[in-house]
Amino acid sequence: MAHILLVEDSRFQRNRIREALATEGHRVTDAENGLKGLEQLEQNTFDCIISDLLMDEMDGIAFLCALKAKGVTTPVIIHTADIQDSVRKQCMELGALGFLHKPLNKNALLNLVNSLIGTEGDGVESTPKDLIQLTPYQLDILKEFINIGIGRAASVLTEMLERPLSLQVPQLRVIGLNQPSLDNHPDLANYKTVKSIIELGYKGPISGKGFLVFDQESSVKLIGALMGEEVRVEDLETADVDPILEVGNIVLNSLIGSFSNLLKGTFNYSVPKYHYETFMKILLSQELPPGSTIVLAETQFALEGIEITGENFLLYDLESFQGLLQAIEKADNE
């Protein structure tokens, strides 16, 4: 059970939200405006804050500014009738981690609250959940753009290698991250062994990092095929990694670039890096803000009968991933 501060001037809305939260055992303390909310924060400890925007005495924007000035790190959800993208962006810049439109959608509220609460009020760690719930249609569009990028990468690599190479993405997952419990995240349990990892940062309409990850067996196969000589697992730390680095650079550039038309902008890339490390250690070093999201695209390489499996990770903070989803929705409506 979590203790939630509800900052809302409407008694009707307070009752509806309290009833929805009670179905999962959460305890709610009310505040009629931002000033009352700040008073409650001085007297109690909360696991989550839900706030309206339009209120007397201190509105939601001023409340967010005050929380930021005081260094309050309690996750905040904004629940409002204001549907403007500019308002949503302003709230996120001020530290809000979730944004829900009125009228109340009970399932969306509960999913978001449970996602933001890393530990429940009784001290028992809860299972991390995706912060943003994608519809099957959104997932389908996301996978289509990733397939376009992978197809471009296959074409470039085939020309570069002068031999046929095919790439496929049989599986796509979206993983919401909660930094305090990241090391125990159930969707990342298999990423604590050493792997070959290519990292590529990018900035543009949205910003983030891309990673292409190969396990040791696939790394050996890929480097051996590209170099034309046998490579052993024990050689990976000292082997010439330029070929695998170039493959990663091409794949990640193509994958990230596939979104450039959708987002109507240009990406600037950093110099690609090679790591022989656990992917979990790299993630933990990123200092990820709450609400960060990974798009995981399992990728199968077929090079002249050699089957190699890699995994593409696209890492976004909350604002960038929401921007991507908004672009998907906008493209669908055009």
Protein backbone atom coordinates (compact mmCIF):
# COMPACT_ATOMS: atom_id res chain seq x y z
CA MET A 1 0.00 0.00 0.00
CA ALA A 2 1.29 3.48 -0.86
CA HIS A 3 0.58 6.88 0.68
CA ILE A 4 -0.50 9.33 -2.05
CA LEU A 5 -0.94 13.10 -1.85
CA LEU A 6 -3.90 14.24 -3.96
CA VAL A 7 -3.84 17.98 -4.80
CA GLU A 8 -7.22 18.75 -6.37
CA ASP A 9 -9.76 21.54 -5.77
CA SER A 10 -12.78 19.56 -6.98
CA ARG A 11 -14.41 17.41 -4.30
CA PHE A 12 -16.03 15.34 -7.06
CA GLN A 13 -12.65 14.56 -8.65
CA ARG A 14 -11.05 13.86 -5.26
CA ASN A 15 -13.73 11.30 -4.45
CA ARG A 16 -13.39 9.56 -7.83
CA ILE A 17 -9.60 9.37 -7.65
CA ARG A 18 -9.64 8.22 -4.02
CA GLU A 19 -12.12 5.44 -4.86
CA ALA A 20 -9.98 4.30 -7.81
CA LEU A 21 -6.80 4.21 -5.72
CA ALA A 22 -8.56 2.42 -2.87
CA THR A 23 -9.18 -0.59 -5.12
CA GLU A 24 -5.45 -1.32 -4.91
CA GLY A 25 -5.18 -0.46 -1.22
CA HIS A 26 -3.50 2.94 -1.58
CA ARG A 27 -4.00 5.54 1.19
CA VAL A 28 -4.86 9.10 0.07
CA THR A 29 -4.36 12.46 1.77
CA ASP A 30 -6.20 15.42 0.22
CA ALA A 31 -5.09 19.00 -0.41
CA GLU A 32 -7.36 21.60 -2.04
CA ASN A 33 -4.54 23.51 -3.78
CA GLY A 34 -0.79 23.74 -4.11
CA LEU A 35 -0.29 25.67 -0.86
CA LYS A 36 -2.20 23.03 1.10
CA GLY A 37 -0.17 20.40 -0.71
CA LEU A 38 3.11 21.96 0.41
CA GLU A 39 1.80 22.02 3.98
CA GLN A 40 1.02 18.31 3.78
CA LEU A 41 4.51 17.59 2.45
CA GLU A 42 6.00 19.26 5.52
CA GLN A 43 3.97 16.99 7.80
CA ASN A 44 3.98 13.64 5.97
CA THR A 45 6.02 11.44 3.67
CA PHE A 46 4.35 10.40 0.41
CA ASP A 47 5.14 7.80 -2.24
CA CYS A 48 3.45 9.71 -5.06
CA ILE A 49 1.69 13.03 -5.75
CA ILE A 50 -1.31 13.55 -8.06
CA SER A 51 -2.07 17.18 -8.88
CA ASP A 52 -4.57 19.17 -10.89
CA LEU A 53 -3.35 22.27 -12.76
CA LEU A 54 -6.18 24.83 -12.50
CA MET A 55 -6.61 25.68 -8.80
CA ASP A 56 -7.01 28.82 -6.65
CA GLU A 57 -4.25 30.23 -4.39
CA MET A 58 -1.52 28.07 -5.96
CA ASP A 59 -2.09 26.29 -9.26
CA GLY A 60 -0.40 23.13 -10.47
CA ILE A 61 2.41 24.88 -12.38
CA ALA A 62 3.33 27.00 -9.35
CA PHE A 63 3.12 23.85 -7.20
CA LEU A 64 5.58 22.05 -9.51
CA CYS A 65 7.92 25.06 -9.39
CA ALA A 66 7.80 25.00 -5.60
CA LEU A 67 8.51 21.26 -5.49
CA LYS A 68 11.48 21.73 -7.80
CA ALA A 69 12.83 24.62 -5.73
CA LYS A 70 12.55 22.57 -2.55
CA GLY A 71 14.28 19.57 -4.13
CA VAL A 72 11.25 17.29 -3.62
CA THR A 73 11.85 14.01 -5.49
CA THR A 74 8.46 12.38 -4.89
CA PRO A 75 7.09 11.36 -8.33
CA VAL A 76 4.31 13.65 -9.58
CA ILE A 77 1.39 12.87 -11.90
CA ILE A 78 -0.54 15.76 -13.46
CA HIS A 79 -4.26 15.09 -13.96
CA THR A 80 -5.86 17.88 -15.96
CA ALA A 81 -8.45 18.89 -18.55
CA ASP A 82 -5.79 20.95 -20.39
CA ILE A 83 -4.81 18.92 -23.46
CA GLN A 84 -2.23 21.35 -24.92
CA ASP A 85 1.11 19.75 -25.84
CA SER A 86 2.91 22.91 -24.65
CA VAL A 87 1.40 22.53 -21.18
CA ARG A 88 2.37 18.86 -21.06
CA LYS A 89 5.94 19.74 -22.04
CA GLN A 90 6.13 22.49 -19.41
CA CYS A 91 4.97 20.10 -16.69
CA MET A 92 7.55 17.49 -17.70
CA GLU A 93 10.31 20.12 -17.73
CA LEU A 94 9.32 21.06 -14.18
CA GLY A 95 9.68 17.46 -13.03
CA ALA A 96 6.29 15.79 -13.54
CA LEU A 97 6.72 12.14 -14.50
CA GLY A 98 3.19 11.39 -15.68
CA PHE A 99 0.40 13.25 -17.44
CA LEU A 100 -3.24 12.13 -17.54
CA HIS A 101 -6.17 13.89 -19.17
CA LYS A 102 -9.59 14.32 -17.60
CA PRO A 103 -12.08 12.69 -17.42
CA LEU A 104 -10.55 10.08 -15.15
CA ASN A 105 -9.43 6.83 -16.75
CA LYS A 106 -9.15 4.46 -13.80
CA ASN A 107 -6.92 1.88 -15.50
CA ALA A 108 -4.54 4.51 -16.87
CA LEU A 109 -4.31 6.11 -13.41
CA LEU A 110 -3.59 2.84 -11.61
CA ASN A 111 -1.04 1.72 -14.21
CA LEU A 112 0.82 5.01 -13.96
CA VAL A 113 0.75 5.15 -10.15
CA ASN A 114 1.97 1.57 -9.82
CA SER A 115 4.72 2.22 -12.36
CA LEU A 116 6.04 5.26 -10.52
CA ILE A 117 6.07 3.67 -7.07
CA GLY A 118 9.27 1.67 -6.85
CA THR A 119 8.40 0.33 -3.38
CA GLU A 120 5.01 0.08 -1.77
CA GLY A 121 4.20 1.82 1.49
CA ASP A 122 4.80 -1.27 3.62
CA GLY A 123 8.40 -1.52 2.43
CA VAL A 124 7.84 -4.53 0.17
CA GLU A 125 9.43 -4.04 -3.23
CA SER A 126 6.89 -4.19 -6.04
CA THR A 127 7.49 -5.54 -9.52
CA PRO A 128 8.54 -2.76 -11.90
CA LYS A 129 6.06 -2.17 -14.71
CA ASP A 130 6.19 -0.27 -17.97
CA LEU A 131 5.62 3.41 -17.30
CA ILE A 132 3.95 3.98 -20.65
CA GLN A 133 1.41 1.47 -21.87
CA LEU A 134 1.51 1.13 -25.67
CA THR A 135 -1.49 0.02 -27.64
CA PRO A 136 -1.05 -2.89 -30.08
CA TYR A 137 -1.37 -0.37 -32.92
CA GLN A 138 1.41 1.84 -31.51
CA LEU A 139 3.64 -1.21 -31.15
CA ASP A 140 2.87 -2.20 -34.72
CA ILE A 141 3.88 1.25 -36.05
CA LEU A 142 7.02 1.26 -33.89
CA LYS A 143 8.03 -2.14 -35.20
CA GLU A 144 7.37 -1.03 -38.79
CA PHE A 145 9.81 1.89 -38.48
CA ILE A 146 12.39 -0.37 -36.85
CA ASN A 147 11.98 -2.87 -39.69
CA ILE A 148 12.56 -0.03 -42.18
CA GLY A 149 15.78 0.87 -40.40
CA ILE A 150 16.95 -2.73 -40.21
CA GLY A 151 16.20 -3.16 -43.92
CA ARG A 152 18.37 -0.15 -44.76
CA ALA A 153 21.18 -1.54 -42.59
CA ALA A 154 21.01 -4.91 -44.37
CA SER A 155 21.29 -3.21 -47.75
CA VAL A 156 24.34 -1.16 -46.71
CA LEU A 157 26.07 -4.12 -45.06
CA THR A 158 25.46 -6.36 -48.07
CA GLU A 159 27.12 -3.77 -50.31
CA MET A 160 30.00 -3.23 -47.89
CA LEU A 161 30.71 -6.93 -47.35
CA GLU A 162 30.08 -7.84 -51.00
CA ARG A 163 28.08 -10.84 -49.84
CA PRO A 164 24.42 -11.23 -48.90
CA LEU A 165 23.39 -10.43 -45.36
CA SER A 166 19.82 -10.47 -44.14
CA LEU A 167 18.45 -8.91 -40.96
CA GLN A 168 15.12 -9.57 -39.28
CA VAL A 169 13.38 -8.29 -36.15
CA PRO A 170 11.18 -11.13 -34.87
CA GLN A 171 10.50 -9.58 -31.46
CA LEU A 172 9.94 -6.08 -30.09
CA ARG A 173 9.48 -5.10 -26.45
CA VAL A 174 9.10 -1.79 -24.62
CA ILE A 175 10.57 -1.82 -21.10
CA GLY A 176 9.88 0.88 -18.52
CA LEU A 177 12.78 1.51 -16.16
CA ASN A 178 12.79 2.46 -12.51
CA GLN A 179 16.34 3.40 -11.53
CA PRO A 180 16.28 2.31 -7.84
CA SER A 181 15.24 -1.23 -8.76
CA LEU A 182 16.97 -1.47 -12.14
CA ASP A 183 19.49 -4.05 -10.98
CA ASN A 184 16.61 -6.40 -10.13
CA HIS A 185 14.44 -5.58 -13.14
CA PRO A 186 12.84 -8.87 -14.31
CA ASP A 187 13.09 -7.91 -18.00
CA LEU A 188 16.84 -7.34 -17.70
CA ALA A 189 17.84 -10.40 -15.68
CA ASN A 190 19.75 -11.91 -18.63
CA TYR A 191 22.05 -8.92 -19.11
CA LYS A 192 24.49 -9.47 -16.26
CA THR A 193 27.02 -11.44 -18.30
CA VAL A 194 29.81 -9.88 -20.35
CA LYS A 195 28.84 -9.07 -23.94
CA SER A 196 30.16 -7.11 -26.92
CA ILE A 197 28.31 -3.78 -26.98
CA ILE A 198 28.35 -0.95 -29.49
CA GLU A 199 27.01 2.37 -28.15
CA LEU A 200 25.84 5.33 -30.25
CA GLY A 201 24.45 8.56 -28.79
CA TYR A 202 22.19 10.85 -30.80
CA LYS A 203 20.54 14.26 -30.46
CA GLY A 204 17.81 15.85 -32.54
CA PRO A 205 14.00 16.03 -32.35
CA ILE A 206 14.43 13.50 -29.56
CA SER A 207 17.65 12.40 -27.87
CA GLY A 208 18.92 9.15 -26.45
CA LYS A 209 21.35 6.31 -26.96
CA GLY A 210 21.34 3.20 -29.09
CA PHE A 211 23.10 -0.04 -28.20
CA LEU A 212 23.74 -3.14 -30.29
CA VAL A 213 24.54 -6.11 -28.05
CA PHE A 214 26.04 -9.46 -29.02
CA ASP A 215 26.64 -12.35 -26.67
CA GLN A 216 30.08 -13.94 -26.73
CA GLU A 217 29.17 -16.74 -29.14
CA SER A 218 27.61 -14.34 -31.66
CA SER A 219 30.55 -11.94 -31.27
CA VAL A 220 33.02 -14.70 -32.13
CA LYS A 221 30.97 -15.75 -35.17
CA LEU A 222 30.58 -12.19 -36.45
CA ILE A 223 34.21 -11.10 -36.03
CA GLY A 224 35.42 -14.38 -37.49
CA ALA A 225 33.14 -14.03 -40.54
CA LEU A 226 34.16 -10.43 -41.14
CA MET A 227 37.90 -11.00 -40.61
CA GLY A 228 38.04 -14.35 -42.39
CA GLU A 229 39.84 -16.02 -39.51
CA GLU A 230 38.97 -18.04 -36.44
CA VAL A 231 38.37 -16.10 -33.22
CA ARG A 232 37.93 -17.65 -29.78
CA VAL A 233 35.87 -16.32 -26.88
CA GLU A 234 39.04 -15.83 -24.84
CA ASP A 235 40.37 -13.58 -27.64
CA LEU A 236 37.46 -11.11 -27.49
CA GLU A 237 39.12 -8.70 -25.04
CA THR A 238 42.15 -8.25 -27.32
CA ALA A 239 40.69 -8.97 -30.77
CA ASP A 240 40.42 -6.29 -33.47
CA VAL A 241 36.90 -4.99 -32.86
CA ASP A 242 36.83 -2.49 -35.75
CA PRO A 243 34.66 -4.78 -37.93
CA ILE A 244 32.01 -5.34 -35.27
CA LEU A 245 32.15 -1.64 -34.35
CA GLU A 246 31.48 -0.71 -37.98
CA VAL A 247 28.57 -3.16 -38.19
CA GLY A 248 27.10 -1.66 -35.03
CA ASN A 249 27.55 1.87 -36.33
CA ILE A 250 25.72 1.06 -39.57
CA VAL A 251 22.88 -0.81 -37.87
CA LEU A 252 22.30 1.84 -35.18
CA ASN A 253 22.56 4.75 -37.65
CA SER A 254 19.98 3.09 -39.90
CA LEU A 255 17.71 2.18 -37.01
CA ILE A 256 17.70 5.62 -35.39
CA GLY A 257 17.61 7.40 -38.74
CA SER A 258 14.41 5.59 -39.71
CA PHE A 259 12.57 7.93 -37.31
CA SER A 260 13.96 11.14 -38.86
CA ASN A 261 11.13 11.56 -41.38
CA LEU A 262 8.52 10.73 -38.76
CA LEU A 263 9.96 13.34 -36.39
CA LYS A 264 10.67 15.84 -39.21
CA GLY A 265 14.20 16.54 -38.09
CA THR A 266 17.85 15.55 -38.34
CA PHE A 267 19.87 13.56 -35.81
CA ASN A 268 23.45 14.33 -34.84
CA TYR A 269 25.40 11.24 -33.78
CA SER A 270 28.28 10.82 -31.36
CA VAL A 271 31.34 8.72 -32.16
CA PRO A 272 30.40 5.03 -31.65
CA LYS A 273 31.99 3.27 -28.68
CA TYR A 274 32.81 -0.40 -28.11
CA HIS A 275 32.40 -2.05 -24.71
CA TYR A 276 33.25 -5.56 -23.60
CA GLU A 277 31.13 -5.41 -20.48
CA THR A 278 27.77 -6.38 -18.99
CA PHE A 279 24.87 -4.37 -20.39
CA MET A 280 23.48 -4.03 -16.86
CA LYS A 281 26.64 -2.24 -15.72
CA ILE A 282 26.39 0.18 -18.64
CA LEU A 283 22.74 0.90 -17.85
CA LEU A 284 23.50 1.52 -14.19
CA SER A 285 26.21 4.01 -15.19
CA GLN A 286 23.73 6.13 -17.20
CA GLU A 287 22.12 7.88 -14.18
CA LEU A 288 18.73 7.34 -15.76
CA PRO A 289 15.89 9.62 -14.70
CA PRO A 290 12.67 7.95 -13.50
CA GLY A 291 10.44 7.08 -16.41
CA SER A 292 13.26 6.17 -18.79
CA THR A 293 12.24 3.65 -21.43
CA ILE A 294 14.01 1.01 -23.51
CA VAL A 295 12.78 -0.20 -26.87
CA LEU A 296 14.31 -3.65 -27.30
CA ALA A 297 14.44 -5.10 -30.81
CA GLU A 298 15.88 -8.61 -31.05
CA THR A 299 17.73 -8.79 -34.37
CA GLN A 300 18.73 -11.92 -36.30
CA PHE A 301 21.71 -11.73 -38.69
CA ALA A 302 22.13 -14.33 -41.44
CA LEU A 303 25.51 -14.10 -43.21
CA GLU A 304 26.17 -16.90 -45.72
CA GLY A 305 24.61 -19.54 -43.53
CA ILE A 306 25.96 -18.18 -40.25
CA GLU A 307 23.17 -17.38 -37.80
CA ILE A 308 23.94 -14.56 -35.37
CA THR A 309 21.58 -12.98 -32.85
CA GLY A 310 21.99 -9.41 -31.65
CA GLU A 311 19.81 -7.10 -29.62
CA ASN A 312 19.18 -3.44 -30.40
CA PHE A 313 18.36 -1.23 -27.43
CA LEU A 314 17.05 2.31 -27.94
CA LEU A 315 17.19 4.19 -24.64
CA TYR A 316 14.98 7.24 -24.09
CA ASP A 317 14.16 9.47 -21.16
CA LEU A 318 10.45 9.95 -20.48
CA GLU A 319 10.07 13.18 -22.46
CA SER A 320 11.83 11.81 -25.56
CA PHE A 321 9.77 8.62 -25.58
CA GLN A 322 6.55 10.57 -25.15
CA GLY A 323 7.65 12.77 -28.06
CA LEU A 324 8.13 9.67 -30.19
CA LEU A 325 4.67 8.37 -29.29
CA GLN A 326 3.10 11.75 -30.02
CA ALA A 327 4.76 11.76 -33.46
CA ILE A 328 3.37 8.27 -34.11
CA GLU A 329 -0.12 9.37 -33.14
CA LYS A 330 0.14 12.54 -35.24
CA ALA A 331 1.30 10.58 -38.30
CA ASP A 332 -1.64 8.23 -37.91
CA ASN A 333 -4.09 11.15 -37.89
CA GLU A 334 -2.66 12.84 -40.97
